[in-house]
Protein backbone atom coordinates (compact mmCIF):
# COMPACT_ATOMS: atom_id res chain seq x y z
CA MET A 1 18.98 23.60 17.87
CA ALA A 2 22.15 25.69 17.73
CA HIS A 3 24.12 22.60 18.71
CA GLN A 4 22.59 20.64 15.81
CA ILE A 5 23.50 23.44 13.42
CA ALA A 6 27.10 23.45 14.64
CA ARG A 7 27.38 19.67 14.29
CA ILE A 8 25.98 19.65 10.77
CA ARG A 9 28.37 22.44 9.72
CA ILE A 10 31.27 20.26 10.85
CA SER A 11 29.86 17.34 8.87
CA ILE A 12 29.50 19.57 5.82
CA GLU A 13 33.12 20.69 6.01
CA GLU A 14 34.38 17.13 6.50
CA THR A 15 32.31 15.87 3.57
CA ARG A 16 33.52 18.74 1.37
CA ARG A 17 37.13 17.89 2.13
CA LYS A 18 36.52 14.22 1.34
CA LEU A 19 34.73 15.12 -1.89
CA LEU A 20 37.52 17.43 -3.04
CA SER A 21 40.11 14.79 -2.30
CA LEU A 22 38.10 12.06 -4.02
CA GLY A 23 37.48 14.32 -7.03
CA LYS A 24 41.22 14.65 -7.54
CA SER A 25 41.73 10.91 -7.83
CA LYS A 26 38.53 9.78 -9.54
CA ALA A 27 36.35 10.96 -12.38
CA LEU A 28 33.51 13.26 -11.37
CA THR A 29 31.10 10.70 -12.83
CA ASP A 30 32.47 7.88 -10.66
CA PRO A 31 29.65 6.35 -8.56
CA GLU A 32 31.58 6.95 -5.33
CA VAL A 33 32.02 10.66 -6.16
CA ILE A 34 28.35 10.98 -7.09
CA LYS A 35 27.23 9.25 -3.89
CA LEU A 36 29.36 11.54 -1.73
CA SER A 37 28.16 14.59 -3.65
CA GLN A 38 24.55 13.57 -3.06
CA HIS A 39 25.30 13.10 0.63
CA LEU A 40 26.75 16.62 0.75
CA ASP A 41 23.61 17.96 -0.94
CA LYS A 42 21.46 16.34 1.75
CA LEU A 43 23.62 17.81 4.51
CA LEU A 44 23.41 21.27 2.96
CA ASN A 45 19.63 21.02 2.61
CA ARG A 46 19.32 19.91 6.23
CA TYR A 47 21.60 22.74 7.38
CA GLU A 48 19.52 25.34 5.54
CA ALA A 49 16.28 23.96 6.99
CA LEU A 50 17.66 23.97 10.54
CA ARG A 51 19.12 27.46 10.14
CA ARG A 52 15.85 28.80 8.74
CA ASP A 53 13.84 27.24 11.59
CA TYR A 54 16.28 28.55 14.18
CA ILE A 55 16.12 32.10 12.84
CA TYR A 56 12.33 31.91 12.58
CA THR A 57 12.13 30.75 16.20
CA LEU A 58 14.42 33.52 17.42
CA ARG A 59 12.50 36.19 15.54
CA HIS A 60 9.17 35.03 16.90
CA LYS A 61 10.49 34.90 20.44
CA GLY A 62 11.67 38.48 20.06
CA ALA A 63 15.28 37.44 20.60
CA LEU A 64 16.43 38.39 17.12
CA HIS A 65 16.19 41.81 15.59
CA TYR A 66 16.89 42.35 11.92
CA GLU A 67 19.72 44.80 12.56
CA ASN A 68 21.54 42.16 14.64
CA TYR A 69 21.35 39.51 11.94
CA SER A 70 24.06 39.19 9.33
CA CYS A 71 24.89 36.42 6.93
CA SER A 72 27.60 35.90 4.37
CA ASP A 73 28.62 32.92 2.28
CA ARG A 74 32.07 32.86 3.87
CA ASN A 75 31.34 32.82 7.60
CA GLY A 76 27.80 31.54 7.82
CA CYS A 77 25.04 33.29 9.67
CA LYS A 78 25.75 35.06 12.91
CA VAL A 79 23.33 36.31 15.49
């Protein structure tokens, strides 16, 4: 599962870069921009679901203690 999370984070960053670049050259209401933005939303939702499931699994296996878990918007969640 950790491998899936890492792969989706890479996809998120690539899609963000594409969206920022596209947003500079096209209107934010352009269908292509909207489609890419919706794709990014789906990736982010999938990432959050995987991350939540991963943390839940670790906690219930006893491998994760609350004091060892930290999360920030900038660097993602670390165990």
